[in-house]
Amino acid sequence: MISAREALHRLQEGNRRFAAGLQGQHAGANESKRRELVSGQEPFAIILGCSDSRVPAELIFDQGLGDLFVIRVAGNVVAPSQIGSVEFAAERFGTPLVVVLGHSNCGAIQATLEELVRPQETRSPNLRSIADRIRPAVEPLLDAASSKEVDKLVPSAVRANIRASANQLRRGSQILEQLVEKDELLIVGAEYSLETGAVDFFDGVTDLQRP
């Protein structure tokens, strides 16, 4: 298995190709690769991303079958099932890198901010459970803002939520904590720009010298 640094650089290079419109034709798309993966997998990165249809991890990182272990949920929130999924891949496959991937103009973030400004009693309890996981990360931003205009707060709220989710993975699982302590796992946060197609790895990568 490659190192976390190598995995990160592989994602960065793939995203550069995607943003430039230079995606490769992966062996992961052909029959022989599909048959090869029947017996097992060795994904080099775990992606915990948003369910937004505009942010498919395999495409924006220009990767093929068997390359990424992808978990998607609205707002890239962290709940027990997401933690368990990350633990499974990190332990079972030895995957060295976890990326919490948010994106610009995230609807779940905007909806949470709107709920904080104008609570709706009719909101589904299932949707509310997502907002409740986002709330602790974004509420301080709303409290500190001179303006309660939601649109102006979304960019900073997106990043605050990514950081919170990454920190929850780092500190909310004994299994993941131990892997991180042994330098067998790196957990980072990143934001995908819907406008440019570029991914900015901004959280947890200072020691890797961001390009």
N, C-alpha and C. Protein backbone atom coordinates (compact mmCIF):
# COMPACT_ATOMS: atom_id res chain seq x y z
N MET A 1 0.85 -1.19 0.00
CA MET A 1 0.00 0.00 0.00
C MET A 1 0.89 1.25 0.00
N ILE A 2 0.49 2.27 -0.73
CA ILE A 2 1.27 3.50 -0.80
C ILE A 2 1.11 4.29 0.49
N SER A 3 1.96 5.30 0.69
CA SER A 3 1.90 6.13 1.89
C SER A 3 0.78 7.16 1.77
N ALA A 4 0.44 7.80 2.91
CA ALA A 4 -0.58 8.84 2.90
C ALA A 4 -0.17 10.00 2.01
N ARG A 5 1.11 10.36 2.06
CA ARG A 5 1.60 11.45 1.22
C ARG A 5 1.43 11.11 -0.27
N GLU A 6 1.79 9.89 -0.62
CA GLU A 6 1.66 9.47 -2.02
C GLU A 6 0.19 9.42 -2.44
N ALA A 7 -0.68 8.97 -1.52
CA ALA A 7 -2.11 8.92 -1.82
C ALA A 7 -2.67 10.32 -2.05
N LEU A 8 -2.24 11.25 -1.20
CA LEU A 8 -2.69 12.63 -1.35
C LEU A 8 -2.23 13.22 -2.67
N HIS A 9 -0.99 13.01 -3.03
CA HIS A 9 -0.47 13.53 -4.29
C HIS A 9 -1.19 12.90 -5.49
N ARG A 10 -1.55 11.65 -5.35
CA ARG A 10 -2.28 10.98 -6.43
C ARG A 10 -3.66 11.62 -6.63
N LEU A 11 -4.31 11.95 -5.53
CA LEU A 11 -5.60 12.64 -5.63
C LEU A 11 -5.43 14.04 -6.22
N GLN A 12 -4.39 14.74 -5.79
CA GLN A 12 -4.15 16.09 -6.30
C GLN A 12 -3.89 16.08 -7.80
N GLU A 13 -3.09 15.14 -8.24
CA GLU A 13 -2.80 15.05 -9.68
C GLU A 13 -4.05 14.70 -10.46
N GLY A 14 -4.85 13.77 -9.93
CA GLY A 14 -6.09 13.41 -10.60
C GLY A 14 -7.05 14.57 -10.69
N ASN A 15 -7.12 15.37 -9.63
CA ASN A 15 -8.01 16.53 -9.66
C ASN A 15 -7.53 17.58 -10.65
N ARG A 16 -6.22 17.73 -10.74
CA ARG A 16 -5.69 18.68 -11.73
C ARG A 16 -6.10 18.28 -13.14
N ARG A 17 -6.04 16.98 -13.42
CA ARG A 17 -6.47 16.51 -14.74
C ARG A 17 -7.96 16.80 -14.95
N PHE A 18 -8.76 16.51 -13.93
CA PHE A 18 -10.20 16.73 -14.04
C PHE A 18 -10.51 18.20 -14.28
N ALA A 19 -9.92 19.09 -13.48
CA ALA A 19 -10.20 20.51 -13.59
C ALA A 19 -9.77 21.06 -14.95
N ALA A 20 -8.74 20.44 -15.53
CA ALA A 20 -8.25 20.88 -16.84
C ALA A 20 -8.95 20.17 -17.99
N GLY A 21 -9.86 19.26 -17.69
CA GLY A 21 -10.55 18.52 -18.74
C GLY A 21 -9.69 17.48 -19.41
N LEU A 22 -8.71 16.94 -18.67
CA LEU A 22 -7.76 15.99 -19.25
C LEU A 22 -7.85 14.62 -18.60
N GLN A 23 -9.06 14.20 -18.23
CA GLN A 23 -9.23 12.92 -17.54
C GLN A 23 -8.68 11.77 -18.37
N GLY A 24 -8.11 10.79 -17.66
CA GLY A 24 -7.56 9.62 -18.34
C GLY A 24 -8.60 8.54 -18.58
N GLN A 25 -8.25 7.59 -19.42
CA GLN A 25 -9.10 6.43 -19.66
C GLN A 25 -8.59 5.30 -18.77
N HIS A 26 -9.28 5.08 -17.64
CA HIS A 26 -8.77 4.17 -16.63
C HIS A 26 -8.97 2.70 -16.99
N ALA A 27 -7.97 1.92 -16.60
CA ALA A 27 -8.09 0.47 -16.72
C ALA A 27 -9.25 -0.02 -15.86
N GLY A 28 -9.61 0.80 -14.85
CA GLY A 28 -10.72 0.44 -13.98
C GLY A 28 -12.05 0.40 -14.70
N ALA A 29 -12.10 0.87 -15.94
CA ALA A 29 -13.35 0.87 -16.68
C ALA A 29 -13.50 -0.35 -17.57
N ASN A 30 -12.46 -1.19 -17.67
CA ASN A 30 -12.56 -2.32 -18.59
C ASN A 30 -12.90 -3.62 -17.86
N GLU A 31 -13.23 -4.62 -18.63
CA GLU A 31 -13.70 -5.89 -18.07
C GLU A 31 -12.63 -6.60 -17.27
N SER A 32 -11.39 -6.58 -17.74
CA SER A 32 -10.33 -7.31 -17.05
C SER A 32 -10.10 -6.74 -15.65
N LYS A 33 -10.14 -5.40 -15.53
CA LYS A 33 -9.97 -4.79 -14.22
C LYS A 33 -11.14 -5.14 -13.30
N ARG A 34 -12.33 -5.14 -13.84
CA ARG A 34 -13.50 -5.49 -13.06
C ARG A 34 -13.40 -6.91 -12.53
N ARG A 35 -12.96 -7.83 -13.37
CA ARG A 35 -12.82 -9.23 -12.94
C ARG A 35 -11.71 -9.37 -11.90
N GLU A 36 -10.65 -8.60 -12.07
CA GLU A 36 -9.54 -8.66 -11.13
C GLU A 36 -9.98 -8.25 -9.72
N LEU A 37 -10.92 -7.32 -9.64
CA LEU A 37 -11.35 -6.80 -8.35
C LEU A 37 -12.38 -7.69 -7.65
N VAL A 38 -12.86 -8.71 -8.33
CA VAL A 38 -13.84 -9.61 -7.71
C VAL A 38 -13.25 -10.25 -6.45
N SER A 39 -11.97 -10.56 -6.46
CA SER A 39 -11.36 -11.29 -5.35
C SER A 39 -10.94 -10.38 -4.19
N GLY A 40 -10.95 -9.07 -4.40
CA GLY A 40 -10.56 -8.17 -3.31
C GLY A 40 -10.31 -6.76 -3.80
N GLN A 41 -10.04 -5.88 -2.83
CA GLN A 41 -9.80 -4.49 -3.17
C GLN A 41 -8.72 -3.91 -2.27
N GLU A 42 -8.04 -2.88 -2.77
CA GLU A 42 -7.03 -2.16 -2.00
C GLU A 42 -7.17 -0.67 -2.30
N PRO A 43 -8.26 -0.04 -1.89
CA PRO A 43 -8.43 1.40 -2.16
C PRO A 43 -7.33 2.20 -1.47
N PHE A 44 -6.77 3.19 -2.17
CA PHE A 44 -5.66 3.94 -1.59
C PHE A 44 -6.13 5.16 -0.80
N ALA A 45 -7.41 5.50 -0.90
CA ALA A 45 -7.93 6.63 -0.12
C ALA A 45 -9.40 6.38 0.22
N ILE A 46 -9.78 6.88 1.39
CA ILE A 46 -11.17 6.87 1.83
C ILE A 46 -11.71 8.29 1.69
N ILE A 47 -12.85 8.44 1.02
CA ILE A 47 -13.44 9.76 0.84
C ILE A 47 -14.78 9.80 1.56
N LEU A 48 -14.89 10.69 2.54
CA LEU A 48 -16.18 10.96 3.17
C LEU A 48 -16.68 12.26 2.59
N GLY A 49 -17.61 12.17 1.66
CA GLY A 49 -18.04 13.35 0.93
C GLY A 49 -19.54 13.58 1.00
N CYS A 50 -19.95 14.69 0.43
CA CYS A 50 -21.36 15.05 0.37
C CYS A 50 -22.06 14.26 -0.74
N SER A 51 -23.36 14.05 -0.56
CA SER A 51 -24.14 13.30 -1.54
C SER A 51 -24.48 14.10 -2.79
N ASP A 52 -24.15 15.36 -2.81
CA ASP A 52 -24.49 16.24 -3.94
C ASP A 52 -24.10 15.59 -5.26
N SER A 53 -25.03 15.60 -6.21
CA SER A 53 -24.81 14.92 -7.49
C SER A 53 -23.70 15.52 -8.32
N ARG A 54 -23.27 16.72 -7.94
CA ARG A 54 -22.21 17.41 -8.71
C ARG A 54 -20.81 17.12 -8.18
N VAL A 55 -20.73 16.25 -7.15
CA VAL A 55 -19.43 16.01 -6.52
C VAL A 55 -19.12 14.51 -6.41
N PRO A 56 -19.10 13.79 -7.55
CA PRO A 56 -18.74 12.36 -7.50
C PRO A 56 -17.23 12.20 -7.35
N ALA A 57 -16.80 11.59 -6.26
CA ALA A 57 -15.37 11.56 -5.93
C ALA A 57 -14.52 10.91 -7.03
N GLU A 58 -14.99 9.78 -7.57
CA GLU A 58 -14.18 9.09 -8.59
C GLU A 58 -13.92 9.99 -9.80
N LEU A 59 -14.89 10.81 -10.15
CA LEU A 59 -14.72 11.67 -11.32
C LEU A 59 -13.83 12.86 -11.01
N ILE A 60 -14.07 13.55 -9.90
CA ILE A 60 -13.31 14.78 -9.65
C ILE A 60 -11.86 14.49 -9.29
N PHE A 61 -11.56 13.24 -8.88
CA PHE A 61 -10.18 12.85 -8.64
C PHE A 61 -9.63 11.99 -9.77
N ASP A 62 -10.41 11.77 -10.80
CA ASP A 62 -9.99 11.02 -11.98
C ASP A 62 -9.40 9.66 -11.61
N GLN A 63 -10.20 8.87 -10.88
CA GLN A 63 -9.79 7.54 -10.44
C GLN A 63 -10.75 6.49 -10.97
N GLY A 64 -10.30 5.23 -10.92
CA GLY A 64 -11.09 4.15 -11.49
C GLY A 64 -11.63 3.18 -10.46
N LEU A 65 -12.12 2.04 -10.94
CA LEU A 65 -12.65 1.01 -10.06
C LEU A 65 -11.57 0.55 -9.08
N GLY A 66 -11.96 0.40 -7.82
CA GLY A 66 -11.05 -0.13 -6.82
C GLY A 66 -10.09 0.87 -6.21
N ASP A 67 -10.11 2.12 -6.69
CA ASP A 67 -9.15 3.10 -6.20
C ASP A 67 -9.60 3.80 -4.91
N LEU A 68 -10.90 4.10 -4.81
CA LEU A 68 -11.41 4.90 -3.69
C LEU A 68 -12.51 4.17 -2.94
N PHE A 69 -12.49 4.31 -1.62
CA PHE A 69 -13.57 3.80 -0.76
C PHE A 69 -14.40 5.02 -0.40
N VAL A 70 -15.58 5.13 -0.99
CA VAL A 70 -16.35 6.38 -0.92
C VAL A 70 -17.58 6.24 -0.03
N ILE A 71 -17.71 7.18 0.90
CA ILE A 71 -18.87 7.27 1.78
C ILE A 71 -19.51 8.62 1.52
N ARG A 72 -20.78 8.64 1.17
CA ARG A 72 -21.42 9.91 0.84
C ARG A 72 -22.68 10.11 1.68
N VAL A 73 -22.81 11.31 2.22
CA VAL A 73 -23.96 11.68 3.03
C VAL A 73 -24.13 13.19 2.92
N ALA A 74 -25.37 13.66 2.92
CA ALA A 74 -25.62 15.09 2.79
C ALA A 74 -24.86 15.87 3.86
N GLY A 75 -24.14 16.89 3.43
CA GLY A 75 -23.39 17.72 4.36
C GLY A 75 -22.11 17.10 4.86
N ASN A 76 -21.67 15.99 4.26
CA ASN A 76 -20.47 15.25 4.71
C ASN A 76 -20.37 15.23 6.24
N VAL A 77 -21.52 14.90 6.88
CA VAL A 77 -21.55 14.84 8.34
C VAL A 77 -21.00 13.51 8.83
N VAL A 78 -20.62 13.48 10.10
CA VAL A 78 -20.07 12.27 10.70
C VAL A 78 -21.03 11.73 11.74
N ALA A 79 -21.54 10.53 11.49
CA ALA A 79 -22.41 9.81 12.42
C ALA A 79 -21.78 8.44 12.64
N PRO A 80 -22.29 7.66 13.60
CA PRO A 80 -21.68 6.36 13.87
C PRO A 80 -21.49 5.47 12.65
N SER A 81 -22.44 5.47 11.74
CA SER A 81 -22.31 4.61 10.56
C SER A 81 -21.16 5.06 9.66
N GLN A 82 -20.94 6.38 9.57
CA GLN A 82 -19.82 6.87 8.78
C GLN A 82 -18.49 6.54 9.45
N ILE A 83 -18.42 6.71 10.76
CA ILE A 83 -17.20 6.36 11.48
C ILE A 83 -16.88 4.88 11.31
N GLY A 84 -17.91 4.05 11.45
CA GLY A 84 -17.71 2.61 11.29
C GLY A 84 -17.24 2.25 9.89
N SER A 85 -17.74 2.94 8.89
CA SER A 85 -17.31 2.68 7.51
C SER A 85 -15.85 3.04 7.31
N VAL A 86 -15.43 4.18 7.90
CA VAL A 86 -14.03 4.58 7.80
C VAL A 86 -13.15 3.58 8.54
N GLU A 87 -13.57 3.17 9.73
CA GLU A 87 -12.81 2.17 10.49
C GLU A 87 -12.65 0.88 9.70
N PHE A 88 -13.72 0.46 9.07
CA PHE A 88 -13.70 -0.78 8.29
C PHE A 88 -12.63 -0.72 7.21
N ALA A 89 -12.65 0.34 6.42
CA ALA A 89 -11.69 0.43 5.31
C ALA A 89 -10.26 0.60 5.80
N ALA A 90 -10.09 1.43 6.84
CA ALA A 90 -8.74 1.68 7.35
C ALA A 90 -8.13 0.41 7.93
N GLU A 91 -8.93 -0.37 8.65
CA GLU A 91 -8.43 -1.61 9.26
C GLU A 91 -8.32 -2.74 8.26
N ARG A 92 -9.37 -2.95 7.49
CA ARG A 92 -9.42 -4.12 6.60
C ARG A 92 -8.45 -4.01 5.44
N PHE A 93 -8.35 -2.81 4.85
CA PHE A 93 -7.54 -2.66 3.64
C PHE A 93 -6.23 -1.92 3.87
N GLY A 94 -6.05 -1.37 5.07
CA GLY A 94 -4.83 -0.61 5.33
C GLY A 94 -4.76 0.69 4.56
N THR A 95 -5.91 1.24 4.20
CA THR A 95 -5.95 2.49 3.45
C THR A 95 -5.36 3.62 4.30
N PRO A 96 -4.38 4.36 3.78
CA PRO A 96 -3.63 5.30 4.62
C PRO A 96 -4.18 6.72 4.71
N LEU A 97 -5.18 7.04 3.88
CA LEU A 97 -5.63 8.43 3.80
C LEU A 97 -7.14 8.52 3.86
N VAL A 98 -7.65 9.45 4.69
CA VAL A 98 -9.07 9.78 4.73
C VAL A 98 -9.22 11.24 4.34
N VAL A 99 -10.11 11.52 3.40
CA VAL A 99 -10.40 12.89 3.00
C VAL A 99 -11.86 13.20 3.30
N VAL A 100 -12.08 14.19 4.16
CA VAL A 100 -13.44 14.72 4.35
C VAL A 100 -13.62 15.78 3.28
N LEU A 101 -14.53 15.53 2.35
CA LEU A 101 -14.67 16.37 1.16
C LEU A 101 -16.00 17.12 1.16
N GLY A 102 -15.93 18.42 1.43
CA GLY A 102 -17.10 19.28 1.29
C GLY A 102 -17.03 20.02 -0.04
N HIS A 103 -17.96 20.90 -0.26
CA HIS A 103 -17.96 21.64 -1.53
C HIS A 103 -18.63 22.99 -1.40
N SER A 104 -18.32 23.88 -2.32
CA SER A 104 -18.90 25.22 -2.31
C SER A 104 -20.41 25.14 -2.52
N ASN A 105 -21.10 26.13 -2.00
CA ASN A 105 -22.56 26.24 -2.16
C ASN A 105 -23.30 24.99 -1.69
N CYS A 106 -22.85 24.42 -0.59
CA CYS A 106 -23.47 23.18 -0.10
C CYS A 106 -24.89 23.45 0.41
N GLY A 107 -25.84 22.72 -0.15
CA GLY A 107 -27.24 22.93 0.22
C GLY A 107 -27.53 22.56 1.66
N ALA A 108 -26.86 21.54 2.19
CA ALA A 108 -27.09 21.14 3.57
C ALA A 108 -26.61 22.21 4.53
N ILE A 109 -25.50 22.87 4.20
CA ILE A 109 -24.98 23.96 5.03
C ILE A 109 -25.94 25.14 4.98
N GLN A 110 -26.38 25.48 3.79
CA GLN A 110 -27.30 26.60 3.65
C GLN A 110 -28.60 26.33 4.40
N ALA A 111 -29.12 25.11 4.28
CA ALA A 111 -30.36 24.76 4.96
C ALA A 111 -30.21 24.84 6.47
N THR A 112 -29.05 24.45 6.98
CA THR A 112 -28.81 24.51 8.43
C THR A 112 -28.77 25.95 8.90
N LEU A 113 -28.08 26.82 8.16
CA LEU A 113 -28.04 28.23 8.52
C LEU A 113 -29.44 28.84 8.49
N GLU A 114 -30.21 28.50 7.47
CA GLU A 114 -31.58 29.02 7.38
C GLU A 114 -32.42 28.55 8.55
N GLU A 115 -32.19 27.30 8.97
CA GLU A 115 -32.93 26.75 10.10
C GLU A 115 -32.57 27.50 11.39
N LEU A 116 -31.31 27.88 11.52
CA LEU A 116 -30.89 28.61 12.71
C LEU A 116 -31.48 30.02 12.74
N VAL A 117 -31.60 30.62 11.55
CA VAL A 117 -32.15 31.98 11.46
C VAL A 117 -33.66 31.96 11.57
N ARG A 118 -34.27 31.00 10.87
CA ARG A 118 -35.74 30.92 10.85
C ARG A 118 -36.16 29.46 11.05
N PRO A 119 -36.25 29.01 12.30
CA PRO A 119 -36.61 27.61 12.57
C PRO A 119 -37.96 27.23 11.95
N GLN A 120 -38.01 25.99 11.45
CA GLN A 120 -39.24 25.47 10.84
C GLN A 120 -39.70 24.23 11.61
N GLU A 121 -40.84 24.33 12.21
CA GLU A 121 -41.35 23.21 13.00
C GLU A 121 -41.77 22.03 12.13
N THR A 122 -42.01 22.29 10.85
CA THR A 122 -42.49 21.22 9.96
C THR A 122 -41.37 20.40 9.34
N ARG A 123 -40.14 20.75 9.62
CA ARG A 123 -39.02 20.03 8.99
C ARG A 123 -39.01 18.56 9.43
N SER A 124 -38.72 17.67 8.49
CA SER A 124 -38.63 16.24 8.77
C SER A 124 -37.61 15.98 9.87
N PRO A 125 -37.92 15.09 10.83
CA PRO A 125 -36.94 14.78 11.87
C PRO A 125 -35.67 14.15 11.31
N ASN A 126 -35.77 13.49 10.18
CA ASN A 126 -34.58 12.90 9.56
C ASN A 126 -33.68 13.99 8.98
N LEU A 127 -34.29 14.97 8.33
CA LEU A 127 -33.50 16.10 7.83
C LEU A 127 -32.94 16.91 8.99
N ARG A 128 -33.71 17.03 10.04
CA ARG A 128 -33.26 17.78 11.20
C ARG A 128 -32.03 17.13 11.83
N SER A 129 -31.96 15.80 11.76
CA SER A 129 -30.81 15.10 12.36
C SER A 129 -29.52 15.46 11.64
N ILE A 130 -29.60 15.72 10.32
CA ILE A 130 -28.42 16.16 9.57
C ILE A 130 -28.04 17.57 9.99
N ALA A 131 -29.03 18.45 10.05
CA ALA A 131 -28.78 19.83 10.46
C ALA A 131 -28.21 19.89 11.88
N ASP A 132 -28.68 19.00 12.75
CA ASP A 132 -28.19 18.99 14.13
C ASP A 132 -26.71 18.63 14.21
N ARG A 133 -26.23 17.84 13.25
CA ARG A 133 -24.81 17.48 13.24
C ARG A 133 -23.96 18.61 12.65
N ILE A 134 -24.55 19.42 11.80
CA ILE A 134 -23.84 20.55 11.21
C ILE A 134 -23.85 21.76 12.15
N ARG A 135 -24.92 21.89 12.92
CA ARG A 135 -25.16 23.07 13.75
C ARG A 135 -23.97 23.49 14.62
N PRO A 136 -23.33 22.57 15.38
CA PRO A 136 -22.25 23.02 16.27
C PRO A 136 -21.09 23.70 15.54
N ALA A 137 -20.86 23.33 14.30
CA ALA A 137 -19.75 23.91 13.54
C ALA A 137 -20.08 25.30 13.01
N VAL A 138 -21.34 25.54 12.66
CA VAL A 138 -21.69 26.79 11.98
C VAL A 138 -22.37 27.81 12.89
N GLU A 139 -22.93 27.38 13.99
CA GLU A 139 -23.66 28.30 14.87
C GLU A 139 -22.77 29.44 15.38
N PRO A 140 -21.51 29.16 15.78
CA PRO A 140 -20.65 30.27 16.23
C PRO A 140 -20.43 31.33 15.16
N LEU A 141 -20.39 30.94 13.91
CA LEU A 141 -20.22 31.90 12.82
C LEU A 141 -21.43 32.82 12.74
N LEU A 142 -22.59 32.25 12.91
CA LEU A 142 -23.82 33.03 12.86
C LEU A 142 -23.90 33.99 14.04
N ASP A 143 -23.48 33.51 15.20
CA ASP A 143 -23.51 34.34 16.41
C ASP A 143 -22.56 35.53 16.29
N ALA A 144 -21.44 35.32 15.61
CA ALA A 144 -20.43 36.37 15.50
C ALA A 144 -20.67 37.32 14.34
N ALA A 145 -21.53 36.94 13.41
CA ALA A 145 -21.73 37.75 12.20
C ALA A 145 -22.57 38.99 12.50
N SER A 146 -22.15 40.10 11.89
CA SER A 146 -22.93 41.33 12.04
C SER A 146 -24.18 41.28 11.19
N SER A 147 -24.10 40.50 10.11
CA SER A 147 -25.25 40.33 9.22
C SER A 147 -25.73 38.89 9.29
N LYS A 148 -27.03 38.70 9.25
CA LYS A 148 -27.59 37.35 9.29
C LYS A 148 -27.94 36.86 7.89
N GLU A 149 -27.31 37.46 6.86
CA GLU A 149 -27.56 37.02 5.49
C GLU A 149 -26.87 35.68 5.28
N VAL A 150 -27.67 34.65 5.08
CA VAL A 150 -27.16 33.29 5.01
C VAL A 150 -26.14 33.12 3.89
N ASP A 151 -26.41 33.68 2.72
CA ASP A 151 -25.52 33.48 1.58
C ASP A 151 -24.09 33.92 1.86
N LYS A 152 -23.94 34.98 2.66
CA LYS A 152 -22.62 35.49 2.95
C LYS A 152 -21.86 34.59 3.92
N LEU A 153 -22.58 33.80 4.68
CA LEU A 153 -21.97 32.94 5.67
C LEU A 153 -21.63 31.54 5.15
N VAL A 154 -22.23 31.16 4.03
CA VAL A 154 -22.06 29.79 3.53
C VAL A 154 -20.60 29.41 3.29
N PRO A 155 -19.78 30.25 2.62
CA PRO A 155 -18.39 29.83 2.36
C PRO A 155 -17.61 29.48 3.63
N SER A 156 -17.69 30.34 4.64
CA SER A 156 -16.96 30.04 5.89
C SER A 156 -17.59 28.88 6.63
N ALA A 157 -18.91 28.74 6.53
CA ALA A 157 -19.60 27.64 7.21
C ALA A 157 -19.25 26.30 6.58
N VAL A 158 -19.08 26.26 5.27
CA VAL A 158 -18.67 25.03 4.59
C VAL A 158 -17.34 24.54 5.15
N ARG A 159 -16.39 25.44 5.28
CA ARG A 159 -15.06 25.04 5.77
C ARG A 159 -15.10 24.68 7.25
N ALA A 160 -15.89 25.40 8.02
CA ALA A 160 -16.01 25.07 9.44
C ALA A 160 -16.58 23.68 9.63
N ASN A 161 -17.54 23.31 8.80
CA ASN A 161 -18.15 21.99 8.90
C ASN A 161 -17.19 20.89 8.47
N ILE A 162 -16.39 21.15 7.44
CA ILE A 162 -15.37 20.18 7.01
C ILE A 162 -14.38 19.94 8.14
N ARG A 163 -13.89 21.02 8.73
CA ARG A 163 -12.93 20.89 9.84
C ARG A 163 -13.54 20.09 11.00
N ALA A 164 -14.80 20.40 11.31
CA ALA A 164 -15.46 19.71 12.43
C ALA A 164 -15.59 18.22 12.15
N SER A 165 -15.95 17.86 10.92
CA SER A 165 -16.09 16.44 10.57
C SER A 165 -14.75 15.72 10.62
N ALA A 166 -13.70 16.39 10.11
CA ALA A 166 -12.37 15.78 10.15
C ALA A 166 -11.90 15.59 11.59
N ASN A 167 -12.13 16.58 12.43
CA ASN A 167 -11.74 16.47 13.84
C ASN A 167 -12.53 15.38 14.56
N GLN A 168 -13.79 15.22 14.18
CA GLN A 168 -14.59 14.18 14.80
C GLN A 168 -14.06 12.80 14.45
N LEU A 169 -13.60 12.61 13.24
CA LEU A 169 -12.99 11.34 12.86
C LEU A 169 -11.68 11.13 13.61
N ARG A 170 -10.90 12.19 13.76
CA ARG A 170 -9.61 12.07 14.44
C ARG A 170 -9.77 11.72 15.92
N ARG A 171 -10.88 12.21 16.53
CA ARG A 171 -11.01 12.11 17.98
C ARG A 171 -12.22 11.29 18.44
N GLY A 172 -13.00 10.81 17.51
CA GLY A 172 -14.23 10.12 17.89
C GLY A 172 -14.19 8.62 17.74
N SER A 173 -13.00 8.07 17.51
CA SER A 173 -12.86 6.63 17.32
C SER A 173 -11.51 6.18 17.86
N GLN A 174 -11.52 5.25 18.77
CA GLN A 174 -10.26 4.73 19.31
C GLN A 174 -9.44 4.05 18.23
N ILE A 175 -10.11 3.36 17.34
CA ILE A 175 -9.41 2.68 16.25
C ILE A 175 -8.67 3.68 15.37
N LEU A 176 -9.37 4.74 14.96
CA LEU A 176 -8.76 5.72 14.09
C LEU A 176 -7.68 6.52 14.82
N GLU A 177 -7.92 6.85 16.08
CA GLU A 177 -6.93 7.57 16.87
C GLU A 177 -5.62 6.78 16.93
N GLN A 178 -5.72 5.48 17.16
CA GLN A 178 -4.52 4.66 17.26
C GLN A 178 -3.78 4.59 15.93
N LEU A 179 -4.52 4.48 14.84
CA LEU A 179 -3.89 4.44 13.53
C LEU A 179 -3.18 5.76 13.22
N VAL A 180 -3.82 6.88 13.61
CA VAL A 180 -3.20 8.18 13.40
C VAL A 180 -1.93 8.31 14.24
N GLU A 181 -2.01 7.90 15.51
CA GLU A 181 -0.85 7.98 16.41
C GLU A 181 0.34 7.17 15.89
N LYS A 182 0.06 6.06 15.22
CA LYS A 182 1.12 5.20 14.69
C LYS A 182 1.56 5.63 13.28
N ASP A 183 1.03 6.77 12.82
CA ASP A 183 1.34 7.28 11.48
C ASP A 183 0.94 6.30 10.38
N GLU A 184 -0.12 5.53 10.64
CA GLU A 184 -0.64 4.62 9.64
C GLU A 184 -1.87 5.19 8.94
N LEU A 185 -2.32 6.35 9.41
CA LEU A 185 -3.51 6.97 8.83
C LEU A 185 -3.40 8.48 8.94
N LEU A 186 -3.76 9.16 7.86
CA LEU A 186 -3.82 10.62 7.84
C LEU A 186 -5.25 11.02 7.49
N ILE A 187 -5.81 11.96 8.26
CA ILE A 187 -7.16 12.46 8.02
C ILE A 187 -7.07 13.93 7.67
N VAL A 188 -7.56 14.30 6.50
CA VAL A 188 -7.48 15.69 6.04
C VAL A 188 -8.85 16.18 5.60
N GLY A 189 -8.97 17.50 5.52
CA GLY A 189 -10.20 18.12 5.04
C GLY A 189 -9.96 18.86 3.75
N ALA A 190 -10.94 18.84 2.85
CA ALA A 190 -10.78 19.48 1.55
C ALA A 190 -12.11 20.05 1.07
N GLU A 191 -12.02 21.07 0.24
CA GLU A 191 -13.23 21.67 -0.34
C GLU A 191 -13.14 21.65 -1.86
N TYR A 192 -14.20 21.15 -2.49
CA TYR A 192 -14.31 21.12 -3.95
C TYR A 192 -15.06 22.36 -4.41
N SER A 193 -14.54 23.03 -5.41
CA SER A 193 -15.20 24.21 -5.97
C SER A 193 -16.08 23.80 -7.15
N LEU A 194 -17.37 24.03 -7.01
CA LEU A 194 -18.28 23.75 -8.12
C LEU A 194 -17.95 24.63 -9.32
N GLU A 195 -17.42 25.81 -9.06
CA GLU A 195 -17.15 26.77 -10.12
C GLU A 195 -15.93 26.39 -10.95
N THR A 196 -14.86 25.93 -10.30
CA THR A 196 -13.61 25.68 -11.02
C THR A 196 -13.29 24.20 -11.21
N GLY A 197 -13.91 23.34 -10.41
CA GLY A 197 -13.59 21.92 -10.47
C GLY A 197 -12.37 21.54 -9.66
N ALA A 198 -11.76 22.51 -8.97
CA ALA A 198 -10.54 22.26 -8.21
C ALA A 198 -10.85 21.90 -6.76
N VAL A 199 -10.02 21.06 -6.18
CA VAL A 199 -10.13 20.68 -4.77
C VAL A 199 -8.98 21.33 -4.00
N ASP A 200 -9.31 22.02 -2.92
CA ASP A 200 -8.31 22.62 -2.05
C ASP A 200 -8.22 21.80 -0.76
N PHE A 201 -7.07 21.16 -0.55
CA PHE A 201 -6.82 20.42 0.68
C PHE A 201 -6.29 21.43 1.70
N PHE A 202 -7.13 21.84 2.64
CA PHE A 202 -6.77 22.96 3.51
C PHE A 202 -6.66 22.60 4.98
N ASP A 203 -7.07 21.40 5.36
CA ASP A 203 -7.07 21.05 6.78
C ASP A 203 -6.26 19.77 7.01
N GLY A 204 -5.29 19.84 7.91
CA GLY A 204 -4.51 18.66 8.27
C GLY A 204 -3.38 18.31 7.34
N VAL A 205 -3.00 19.25 6.47
CA VAL A 205 -1.95 18.94 5.48
C VAL A 205 -0.74 19.87 5.58
N THR A 206 -0.63 20.66 6.65
CA THR A 206 0.46 21.61 6.74
C THR A 206 1.82 20.94 6.70
N ASP A 207 1.92 19.76 7.31
CA ASP A 207 3.22 19.06 7.34
C ASP A 207 3.56 18.40 6.01
N LEU A 208 2.59 18.41 5.09
CA LEU A 208 2.84 17.79 3.79
C LEU A 208 3.16 18.84 2.72
N GLN A 209 3.27 20.10 3.15
CA GLN A 209 3.61 21.18 2.24
C GLN A 209 2.64 21.25 1.07
N ARG A 210 1.49 21.85 1.35
CA ARG A 210 0.47 22.00 0.29
C ARG A 210 1.08 22.64 -0.94
N PRO A 211 0.76 22.11 -2.14
CA PRO A 211 1.32 22.68 -3.36
C PRO A 211 0.70 24.03 -3.68
